[in-house]
Amino acid sequence: MSTSTNSLTSFISDYVKADRKLLLNSVVELTKNLSKILSAEDHECIKLEQNNPQFWRKENLCKFYDFYLNLWNENRVSKLN
């Protein structure tokens, strides 16, 4: 990724994480989208993780948002190659 793309991605990520409702909705949408690219077993693990009440604390949502977004982007790039 170019520097400008990284800067834009970082800006968007910071923006999403600053708004709890947007962060929550983004994590939910990323989870739905990941179900299309992950194995059923991996997706089930994510859903189990979300059953933990600690998952929904803002600092954890931020970590998972980054994790999910990276997973999504890595998979998209690997499908292009």
N, C-alpha and C. Protein backbone atom coordinates (compact mmCIF):
# COMPACT_ATOMS: atom_id res chain seq x y z
N MET A 1 0.83 -1.17 0.00
CA MET A 1 0.00 0.00 0.00
C MET A 1 0.88 1.24 0.00
N SER A 2 0.43 2.26 -0.68
CA SER A 2 1.19 3.50 -0.71
C SER A 2 1.02 4.25 0.60
N THR A 3 1.88 5.25 0.79
CA THR A 3 1.82 6.05 2.01
C THR A 3 0.49 6.77 2.12
N SER A 4 -0.01 7.31 1.01
CA SER A 4 -1.29 8.02 1.06
C SER A 4 -2.44 7.06 1.39
N THR A 5 -2.37 5.83 0.89
CA THR A 5 -3.40 4.84 1.20
C THR A 5 -3.34 4.47 2.67
N ASN A 6 -2.13 4.29 3.20
CA ASN A 6 -1.98 3.99 4.63
C ASN A 6 -2.51 5.13 5.48
N SER A 7 -2.23 6.37 5.07
CA SER A 7 -2.72 7.53 5.82
C SER A 7 -4.24 7.59 5.81
N LEU A 8 -4.84 7.33 4.66
CA LEU A 8 -6.29 7.34 4.56
C LEU A 8 -6.89 6.23 5.40
N THR A 9 -6.31 5.04 5.32
CA THR A 9 -6.79 3.91 6.11
C THR A 9 -6.70 4.23 7.60
N SER A 10 -5.60 4.81 8.02
CA SER A 10 -5.41 5.18 9.42
C SER A 10 -6.43 6.24 9.84
N PHE A 11 -6.66 7.23 8.98
CA PHE A 11 -7.63 8.28 9.28
C PHE A 11 -9.03 7.69 9.46
N ILE A 12 -9.42 6.81 8.54
CA ILE A 12 -10.75 6.19 8.61
C ILE A 12 -10.85 5.34 9.87
N SER A 13 -9.82 4.57 10.15
CA SER A 13 -9.81 3.72 11.34
C SER A 13 -9.96 4.56 12.61
N ASP A 14 -9.22 5.65 12.70
CA ASP A 14 -9.31 6.54 13.87
C ASP A 14 -10.71 7.15 13.98
N TYR A 15 -11.28 7.53 12.84
CA TYR A 15 -12.62 8.11 12.82
C TYR A 15 -13.65 7.11 13.31
N VAL A 16 -13.57 5.89 12.81
CA VAL A 16 -14.52 4.84 13.21
C VAL A 16 -14.39 4.56 14.71
N LYS A 17 -13.16 4.46 15.19
CA LYS A 17 -12.94 4.12 16.60
C LYS A 17 -13.37 5.25 17.55
N ALA A 18 -13.45 6.47 17.05
CA ALA A 18 -13.85 7.60 17.91
C ALA A 18 -15.35 7.60 18.20
N ASP A 19 -16.12 6.94 17.37
CA ASP A 19 -17.58 6.92 17.53
C ASP A 19 -18.00 5.49 17.88
N ARG A 20 -18.43 5.28 19.12
CA ARG A 20 -18.72 3.92 19.57
C ARG A 20 -19.79 3.23 18.72
N LYS A 21 -20.83 3.96 18.36
CA LYS A 21 -21.91 3.36 17.56
C LYS A 21 -21.40 2.95 16.17
N LEU A 22 -20.61 3.82 15.57
CA LEU A 22 -20.03 3.50 14.26
C LEU A 22 -19.08 2.31 14.38
N LEU A 23 -18.30 2.28 15.44
CA LEU A 23 -17.38 1.17 15.69
C LEU A 23 -18.15 -0.14 15.85
N LEU A 24 -19.19 -0.10 16.65
CA LEU A 24 -20.01 -1.29 16.87
C LEU A 24 -20.62 -1.78 15.56
N ASN A 25 -21.20 -0.88 14.80
CA ASN A 25 -21.80 -1.26 13.52
C ASN A 25 -20.76 -1.80 12.54
N SER A 26 -19.57 -1.22 12.56
CA SER A 26 -18.50 -1.67 11.67
C SER A 26 -18.05 -3.08 12.02
N VAL A 27 -17.91 -3.36 13.32
CA VAL A 27 -17.52 -4.71 13.75
C VAL A 27 -18.58 -5.72 13.33
N VAL A 28 -19.84 -5.37 13.50
CA VAL A 28 -20.93 -6.27 13.12
C VAL A 28 -20.90 -6.52 11.61
N GLU A 29 -20.72 -5.47 10.81
CA GLU A 29 -20.68 -5.63 9.35
C GLU A 29 -19.45 -6.42 8.90
N LEU A 30 -18.30 -6.14 9.51
CA LEU A 30 -17.10 -6.90 9.16
C LEU A 30 -17.28 -8.37 9.49
N THR A 31 -17.94 -8.66 10.61
CA THR A 31 -18.19 -10.05 10.98
C THR A 31 -19.06 -10.73 9.93
N LYS A 32 -20.09 -10.04 9.48
CA LYS A 32 -20.94 -10.60 8.42
C LYS A 32 -20.14 -10.87 7.16
N ASN A 33 -19.32 -9.90 6.76
CA ASN A 33 -18.53 -10.05 5.54
C ASN A 33 -17.47 -11.12 5.66
N LEU A 34 -16.89 -11.25 6.84
CA LEU A 34 -15.87 -12.29 7.03
C LEU A 34 -16.47 -13.68 6.90
N SER A 35 -17.75 -13.82 7.18
CA SER A 35 -18.38 -15.13 7.04
C SER A 35 -18.32 -15.62 5.59
N LYS A 36 -18.16 -14.69 4.66
CA LYS A 36 -18.09 -15.05 3.24
C LYS A 36 -16.71 -15.55 2.83
N ILE A 37 -15.69 -15.22 3.62
CA ILE A 37 -14.33 -15.57 3.20
C ILE A 37 -13.62 -16.52 4.15
N LEU A 38 -14.12 -16.68 5.37
CA LEU A 38 -13.48 -17.58 6.33
C LEU A 38 -14.15 -18.94 6.31
N SER A 39 -13.44 -19.90 6.81
CA SER A 39 -14.04 -21.23 6.97
C SER A 39 -15.16 -21.13 8.00
N ALA A 40 -16.07 -22.06 7.94
CA ALA A 40 -17.18 -22.08 8.90
C ALA A 40 -16.65 -22.18 10.32
N GLU A 41 -15.58 -22.96 10.50
CA GLU A 41 -14.99 -23.13 11.83
C GLU A 41 -14.41 -21.82 12.35
N ASP A 42 -13.67 -21.09 11.51
CA ASP A 42 -13.09 -19.80 11.92
C ASP A 42 -14.18 -18.79 12.23
N HIS A 43 -15.22 -18.78 11.40
CA HIS A 43 -16.30 -17.84 11.64
C HIS A 43 -17.03 -18.17 12.94
N GLU A 44 -17.19 -19.44 13.23
CA GLU A 44 -17.83 -19.86 14.48
C GLU A 44 -17.00 -19.41 15.68
N CYS A 45 -15.68 -19.46 15.56
CA CYS A 45 -14.80 -18.99 16.64
C CYS A 45 -15.01 -17.50 16.90
N ILE A 46 -15.15 -16.73 15.83
CA ILE A 46 -15.41 -15.29 15.98
C ILE A 46 -16.74 -15.07 16.68
N LYS A 47 -17.76 -15.80 16.27
CA LYS A 47 -19.07 -15.64 16.90
C LYS A 47 -19.02 -16.03 18.38
N LEU A 48 -18.27 -17.07 18.72
CA LEU A 48 -18.12 -17.45 20.12
C LEU A 48 -17.41 -16.36 20.91
N GLU A 49 -16.40 -15.76 20.31
CA GLU A 49 -15.68 -14.67 20.96
C GLU A 49 -16.63 -13.51 21.25
N GLN A 50 -17.54 -13.27 20.33
CA GLN A 50 -18.48 -12.16 20.52
C GLN A 50 -19.51 -12.45 21.61
N ASN A 51 -19.65 -13.69 22.02
CA ASN A 51 -20.55 -14.02 23.13
C ASN A 51 -19.98 -13.60 24.48
N ASN A 52 -18.70 -13.32 24.52
CA ASN A 52 -18.05 -12.87 25.74
C ASN A 52 -18.40 -11.38 25.96
N PRO A 53 -19.01 -11.03 27.09
CA PRO A 53 -19.38 -9.63 27.32
C PRO A 53 -18.20 -8.67 27.24
N GLN A 54 -17.00 -9.16 27.57
CA GLN A 54 -15.81 -8.30 27.49
C GLN A 54 -15.52 -7.85 26.05
N PHE A 55 -15.95 -8.64 25.09
CA PHE A 55 -15.73 -8.32 23.68
C PHE A 55 -16.28 -6.95 23.33
N TRP A 56 -17.42 -6.60 23.92
CA TRP A 56 -18.15 -5.38 23.54
C TRP A 56 -17.67 -4.12 24.25
N ARG A 57 -16.63 -4.24 25.07
CA ARG A 57 -16.02 -3.03 25.66
C ARG A 57 -15.29 -2.28 24.56
N LYS A 58 -15.31 -0.95 24.63
CA LYS A 58 -14.78 -0.14 23.52
C LYS A 58 -13.34 -0.49 23.16
N GLU A 59 -12.47 -0.66 24.16
CA GLU A 59 -11.07 -0.93 23.83
C GLU A 59 -10.92 -2.27 23.11
N ASN A 60 -11.75 -3.24 23.47
CA ASN A 60 -11.71 -4.53 22.78
C ASN A 60 -12.30 -4.42 21.38
N LEU A 61 -13.36 -3.63 21.24
CA LEU A 61 -13.93 -3.42 19.90
C LEU A 61 -12.89 -2.80 18.98
N CYS A 62 -12.11 -1.87 19.49
CA CYS A 62 -11.06 -1.24 18.68
C CYS A 62 -10.04 -2.27 18.21
N LYS A 63 -9.62 -3.15 19.13
CA LYS A 63 -8.66 -4.19 18.76
C LYS A 63 -9.25 -5.13 17.72
N PHE A 64 -10.49 -5.54 17.94
CA PHE A 64 -11.11 -6.46 17.00
C PHE A 64 -11.41 -5.80 15.67
N TYR A 65 -11.74 -4.52 15.69
CA TYR A 65 -11.95 -3.80 14.44
C TYR A 65 -10.68 -3.86 13.59
N ASP A 66 -9.54 -3.55 14.21
CA ASP A 66 -8.26 -3.62 13.48
C ASP A 66 -7.99 -5.03 12.99
N PHE A 67 -8.20 -6.02 13.86
CA PHE A 67 -7.97 -7.41 13.51
C PHE A 67 -8.85 -7.84 12.34
N TYR A 68 -10.15 -7.55 12.43
CA TYR A 68 -11.09 -7.93 11.37
C TYR A 68 -10.77 -7.23 10.07
N LEU A 69 -10.45 -5.95 10.17
CA LEU A 69 -10.14 -5.20 8.95
C LEU A 69 -8.89 -5.75 8.27
N ASN A 70 -7.89 -6.09 9.07
CA ASN A 70 -6.68 -6.69 8.50
C ASN A 70 -6.98 -8.04 7.85
N LEU A 71 -7.78 -8.86 8.52
CA LEU A 71 -8.17 -10.15 7.93
C LEU A 71 -8.88 -9.95 6.60
N TRP A 72 -9.82 -9.02 6.59
CA TRP A 72 -10.60 -8.74 5.39
C TRP A 72 -9.68 -8.28 4.26
N ASN A 73 -8.78 -7.33 4.57
CA ASN A 73 -7.87 -6.80 3.55
C ASN A 73 -6.88 -7.85 3.06
N GLU A 74 -6.34 -8.65 3.97
CA GLU A 74 -5.40 -9.70 3.56
C GLU A 74 -6.08 -10.70 2.62
N ASN A 75 -7.29 -11.07 2.92
CA ASN A 75 -8.00 -12.02 2.09
C ASN A 75 -8.31 -11.44 0.73
N ARG A 76 -8.72 -10.18 0.71
CA ARG A 76 -9.01 -9.51 -0.57
C ARG A 76 -7.77 -9.46 -1.44
N VAL A 77 -6.62 -9.10 -0.84
CA VAL A 77 -5.37 -9.02 -1.60
C VAL A 77 -4.95 -10.40 -2.10
N SER A 78 -5.07 -11.43 -1.25
CA SER A 78 -4.67 -12.77 -1.67
C SER A 78 -5.54 -13.28 -2.82
N LYS A 79 -6.79 -12.88 -2.88
CA LYS A 79 -7.66 -13.30 -3.98
C LYS A 79 -7.30 -12.59 -5.28
N LEU A 80 -6.65 -11.42 -5.18
CA LEU A 80 -6.24 -10.68 -6.38
C LEU A 80 -4.99 -11.29 -7.00
N ASN A 81 -4.17 -11.94 -6.17
CA ASN A 81 -2.90 -12.51 -6.68
C ASN A 81 -3.09 -13.84 -7.34
